[in-house]
């Protein structure tokens, strides 16, 4: 059972990575709308958060909903920061 859960987490993360890679590559070939790129970034972040299950990134210092919101915002910021480099 634990192996299936771990495999599902890895699949979700890889799917998010592939989504980001695909939209980045497509944007390199021809400019894509910012709303499309942002939507794909949000989808990748959601897949990443879904893969965390009950793990918290702020080590329990924040309530879980706030932990998730801040984590999502930080990941979106980092993805956009990396894309502008």
N, C-alpha and C. Protein backbone atom coordinates (compact mmCIF):
# COMPACT_ATOMS: atom_id res chain seq x y z
N UNK A 1 0.83 -1.20 0.00
CA UNK A 1 0.00 0.00 0.00
C UNK A 1 0.86 1.26 0.00
N UNK A 2 1.88 1.28 0.86
CA UNK A 2 2.74 2.45 0.94
C UNK A 2 3.47 2.68 -0.38
N UNK A 3 3.81 1.60 -1.06
CA UNK A 3 4.52 1.73 -2.34
C UNK A 3 3.62 2.37 -3.38
N UNK A 4 2.33 2.01 -3.40
CA UNK A 4 1.40 2.61 -4.36
C UNK A 4 1.25 4.10 -4.09
N UNK A 5 1.19 4.47 -2.82
CA UNK A 5 1.05 5.89 -2.47
C UNK A 5 2.29 6.66 -2.89
N UNK A 6 3.45 6.08 -2.62
CA UNK A 6 4.70 6.75 -3.00
C UNK A 6 4.80 6.88 -4.52
N UNK A 7 4.41 5.85 -5.22
CA UNK A 7 4.45 5.88 -6.68
C UNK A 7 3.49 6.94 -7.22
N UNK A 8 2.32 7.06 -6.62
CA UNK A 8 1.35 8.07 -7.05
C UNK A 8 1.90 9.47 -6.83
N UNK A 9 2.58 9.68 -5.70
CA UNK A 9 3.19 11.00 -5.44
C UNK A 9 4.22 11.34 -6.50
N UNK A 10 5.07 10.37 -6.82
CA UNK A 10 6.10 10.60 -7.83
C UNK A 10 5.47 10.90 -9.18
N UNK A 11 4.44 10.18 -9.54
CA UNK A 11 3.76 10.41 -10.82
C UNK A 11 3.17 11.82 -10.87
N UNK A 12 2.56 12.26 -9.78
CA UNK A 12 1.99 13.62 -9.75
C UNK A 12 3.09 14.67 -9.91
N UNK A 13 4.19 14.49 -9.21
CA UNK A 13 5.28 15.45 -9.31
C UNK A 13 5.86 15.47 -10.73
N UNK A 14 6.10 14.28 -11.29
CA UNK A 14 6.64 14.21 -12.65
C UNK A 14 5.68 14.83 -13.66
N UNK A 15 4.39 14.62 -13.48
CA UNK A 15 3.41 15.21 -14.39
C UNK A 15 3.48 16.74 -14.31
N UNK A 16 3.59 17.29 -13.10
CA UNK A 16 3.72 18.73 -12.94
C UNK A 16 4.99 19.26 -13.59
N UNK A 17 6.09 18.54 -13.43
CA UNK A 17 7.35 18.94 -14.05
C UNK A 17 7.23 18.91 -15.58
N UNK A 18 6.61 17.87 -16.09
CA UNK A 18 6.43 17.77 -17.54
C UNK A 18 5.52 18.88 -18.07
N UNK A 19 4.48 19.24 -17.31
CA UNK A 19 3.63 20.36 -17.71
C UNK A 19 4.44 21.66 -17.81
N UNK A 20 5.26 21.90 -16.80
CA UNK A 20 6.09 23.12 -16.81
C UNK A 20 7.08 23.10 -17.97
N UNK A 21 7.71 21.96 -18.19
CA UNK A 21 8.67 21.86 -19.29
C UNK A 21 7.98 22.06 -20.64
N UNK A 22 6.80 21.49 -20.80
CA UNK A 22 6.09 21.61 -22.07
C UNK A 22 5.69 23.05 -22.36
N UNK A 23 5.15 23.73 -21.37
CA UNK A 23 4.72 25.11 -21.62
C UNK A 23 5.93 26.02 -21.81
N UNK A 24 7.01 25.75 -21.11
CA UNK A 24 8.23 26.56 -21.29
C UNK A 24 8.79 26.36 -22.70
N UNK A 25 8.82 25.11 -23.15
CA UNK A 25 9.31 24.82 -24.49
C UNK A 25 8.41 25.46 -25.55
N UNK A 26 7.10 25.31 -25.38
CA UNK A 26 6.16 25.89 -26.33
C UNK A 26 6.29 27.41 -26.35
N UNK A 27 6.53 28.01 -25.20
CA UNK A 27 6.68 29.47 -25.12
C UNK A 27 7.98 29.92 -25.79
N UNK A 28 9.00 29.08 -25.74
CA UNK A 28 10.25 29.41 -26.42
C UNK A 28 10.06 29.41 -27.94
N UNK A 29 9.23 28.50 -28.43
CA UNK A 29 9.00 28.42 -29.87
C UNK A 29 8.13 29.56 -30.37
N UNK A 30 7.09 29.87 -29.62
CA UNK A 30 6.17 30.95 -29.97
C UNK A 30 5.57 31.47 -28.67
N UNK A 31 5.56 32.76 -28.52
CA UNK A 31 5.07 33.36 -27.28
C UNK A 31 3.65 32.91 -26.96
N UNK A 32 3.45 32.47 -25.75
CA UNK A 32 2.14 32.03 -25.28
C UNK A 32 1.58 33.09 -24.33
N UNK A 33 0.27 33.15 -24.19
CA UNK A 33 -0.33 34.14 -23.28
C UNK A 33 0.12 33.90 -21.84
N UNK A 34 0.31 34.98 -21.12
CA UNK A 34 0.73 34.88 -19.72
C UNK A 34 -0.29 34.11 -18.90
N UNK A 35 -1.57 34.26 -19.24
CA UNK A 35 -2.60 33.55 -18.48
C UNK A 35 -2.46 32.03 -18.64
N UNK A 36 -2.10 31.57 -19.81
CA UNK A 36 -1.89 30.14 -20.05
C UNK A 36 -0.68 29.65 -19.25
N UNK A 37 0.42 30.39 -19.34
CA UNK A 37 1.62 30.00 -18.60
C UNK A 37 1.36 29.97 -17.10
N UNK A 38 0.67 30.98 -16.60
CA UNK A 38 0.37 31.05 -15.17
C UNK A 38 -0.57 29.91 -14.75
N UNK A 39 -1.53 29.59 -15.60
CA UNK A 39 -2.44 28.49 -15.30
C UNK A 39 -1.70 27.16 -15.19
N UNK A 40 -0.76 26.93 -16.08
CA UNK A 40 0.04 25.70 -16.03
C UNK A 40 0.91 25.70 -14.77
N UNK A 41 1.46 26.86 -14.42
CA UNK A 41 2.27 26.95 -13.20
C UNK A 41 1.43 26.65 -11.96
N UNK A 42 0.22 27.18 -11.92
CA UNK A 42 -0.68 26.90 -10.80
C UNK A 42 -1.00 25.41 -10.75
N UNK A 43 -1.26 24.80 -11.91
CA UNK A 43 -1.55 23.36 -11.95
C UNK A 43 -0.37 22.55 -11.42
N UNK A 44 0.84 22.93 -11.79
CA UNK A 44 2.03 22.21 -11.31
C UNK A 44 2.18 22.36 -9.80
N UNK A 45 1.91 23.55 -9.29
CA UNK A 45 2.00 23.77 -7.84
C UNK A 45 0.93 22.96 -7.11
N UNK A 46 -0.27 22.91 -7.65
CA UNK A 46 -1.33 22.12 -7.03
C UNK A 46 -0.94 20.65 -7.00
N UNK A 47 -0.38 20.14 -8.09
CA UNK A 47 0.06 18.75 -8.11
C UNK A 47 1.16 18.51 -7.06
N UNK A 48 2.06 19.47 -6.92
CA UNK A 48 3.11 19.35 -5.91
C UNK A 48 2.55 19.36 -4.50
N UNK A 49 1.61 20.25 -4.24
CA UNK A 49 0.99 20.30 -2.91
C UNK A 49 0.20 19.04 -2.62
N UNK A 50 -0.47 18.51 -3.62
CA UNK A 50 -1.23 17.28 -3.47
C UNK A 50 -0.29 16.13 -3.11
N UNK A 51 0.92 16.17 -3.62
CA UNK A 51 1.90 15.11 -3.34
C UNK A 51 2.44 15.17 -1.92
N UNK A 52 2.29 16.29 -1.25
CA UNK A 52 2.81 16.43 0.11
C UNK A 52 1.98 15.66 1.13
N UNK A 53 0.74 15.37 0.80
CA UNK A 53 -0.19 14.75 1.74
C UNK A 53 -0.29 15.60 3.00
N UNK A 54 0.11 15.08 4.13
CA UNK A 54 -0.05 15.84 5.38
C UNK A 54 1.25 16.51 5.82
N UNK A 55 2.30 16.41 5.03
CA UNK A 55 3.56 17.05 5.40
C UNK A 55 3.42 18.57 5.36
N UNK A 56 4.09 19.25 6.27
CA UNK A 56 4.07 20.70 6.29
C UNK A 56 5.47 21.22 5.97
N UNK A 57 5.53 22.32 5.28
CA UNK A 57 6.83 22.89 4.93
C UNK A 57 7.32 23.89 5.98
N UNK A 58 6.42 24.36 6.81
CA UNK A 58 6.82 25.30 7.86
C UNK A 58 6.92 24.59 9.21
N UNK A 59 7.14 23.27 9.19
CA UNK A 59 7.38 22.44 10.36
C UNK A 59 6.34 22.61 11.47
N UNK A 60 5.10 22.80 11.11
CA UNK A 60 4.03 22.89 12.09
C UNK A 60 3.92 24.24 12.78
N UNK A 61 4.70 25.22 12.35
CA UNK A 61 4.62 26.56 12.96
C UNK A 61 3.35 27.30 12.55
N UNK A 62 2.77 26.88 11.44
CA UNK A 62 1.55 27.51 10.93
C UNK A 62 0.45 26.47 10.83
N UNK A 63 -0.80 26.91 10.93
CA UNK A 63 -1.90 25.96 10.67
C UNK A 63 -1.79 25.43 9.24
N UNK A 64 -2.23 24.21 9.02
CA UNK A 64 -2.08 23.55 7.72
C UNK A 64 -2.63 24.38 6.55
N UNK A 65 -3.82 24.98 6.64
CA UNK A 65 -4.31 25.77 5.49
C UNK A 65 -3.38 26.96 5.17
N UNK A 66 -2.89 27.63 6.19
CA UNK A 66 -1.98 28.75 5.96
C UNK A 66 -0.65 28.25 5.41
N UNK A 67 -0.19 27.12 5.91
CA UNK A 67 1.03 26.50 5.41
C UNK A 67 0.91 26.24 3.91
N UNK A 68 -0.22 25.69 3.50
CA UNK A 68 -0.43 25.37 2.08
C UNK A 68 -0.50 26.63 1.21
N UNK A 69 -1.20 27.65 1.69
CA UNK A 69 -1.33 28.88 0.90
C UNK A 69 0.04 29.54 0.74
N UNK A 70 0.78 29.67 1.82
CA UNK A 70 2.11 30.29 1.74
C UNK A 70 3.05 29.46 0.88
N UNK A 71 2.98 28.15 1.01
CA UNK A 71 3.81 27.29 0.19
C UNK A 71 3.49 27.47 -1.29
N UNK A 72 2.21 27.52 -1.62
CA UNK A 72 1.80 27.71 -3.01
C UNK A 72 2.30 29.05 -3.55
N UNK A 73 2.16 30.11 -2.77
CA UNK A 73 2.63 31.42 -3.22
C UNK A 73 4.14 31.45 -3.40
N UNK A 74 4.86 30.83 -2.48
CA UNK A 74 6.32 30.79 -2.59
C UNK A 74 6.77 29.97 -3.79
N UNK A 75 6.10 28.85 -4.04
CA UNK A 75 6.46 28.04 -5.20
C UNK A 75 6.14 28.77 -6.49
N UNK A 76 5.00 29.44 -6.56
CA UNK A 76 4.68 30.23 -7.76
C UNK A 76 5.69 31.35 -7.97
N UNK A 77 6.07 32.00 -6.90
CA UNK A 77 7.08 33.06 -6.99
C UNK A 77 8.39 32.48 -7.53
N UNK A 78 8.81 31.33 -6.99
CA UNK A 78 10.08 30.74 -7.41
C UNK A 78 10.03 30.30 -8.88
N UNK A 79 8.93 29.70 -9.29
CA UNK A 79 8.80 29.27 -10.69
C UNK A 79 8.91 30.48 -11.61
N UNK A 80 8.23 31.56 -11.28
CA UNK A 80 8.30 32.76 -12.11
C UNK A 80 9.67 33.40 -12.06
N UNK A 81 10.29 33.40 -10.90
CA UNK A 81 11.64 33.94 -10.78
C UNK A 81 12.59 33.17 -11.67
N UNK A 82 12.52 31.86 -11.64
CA UNK A 82 13.37 31.02 -12.45
C UNK A 82 13.11 31.22 -13.93
N UNK A 83 11.86 31.37 -14.32
CA UNK A 83 11.53 31.55 -15.73
C UNK A 83 12.01 32.89 -16.28
N UNK A 84 12.17 33.89 -15.43
CA UNK A 84 12.63 35.20 -15.91
C UNK A 84 14.14 35.30 -15.97
N UNK A 85 14.85 34.31 -15.46
CA UNK A 85 16.33 34.37 -15.48
C UNK A 85 16.85 34.16 -16.88
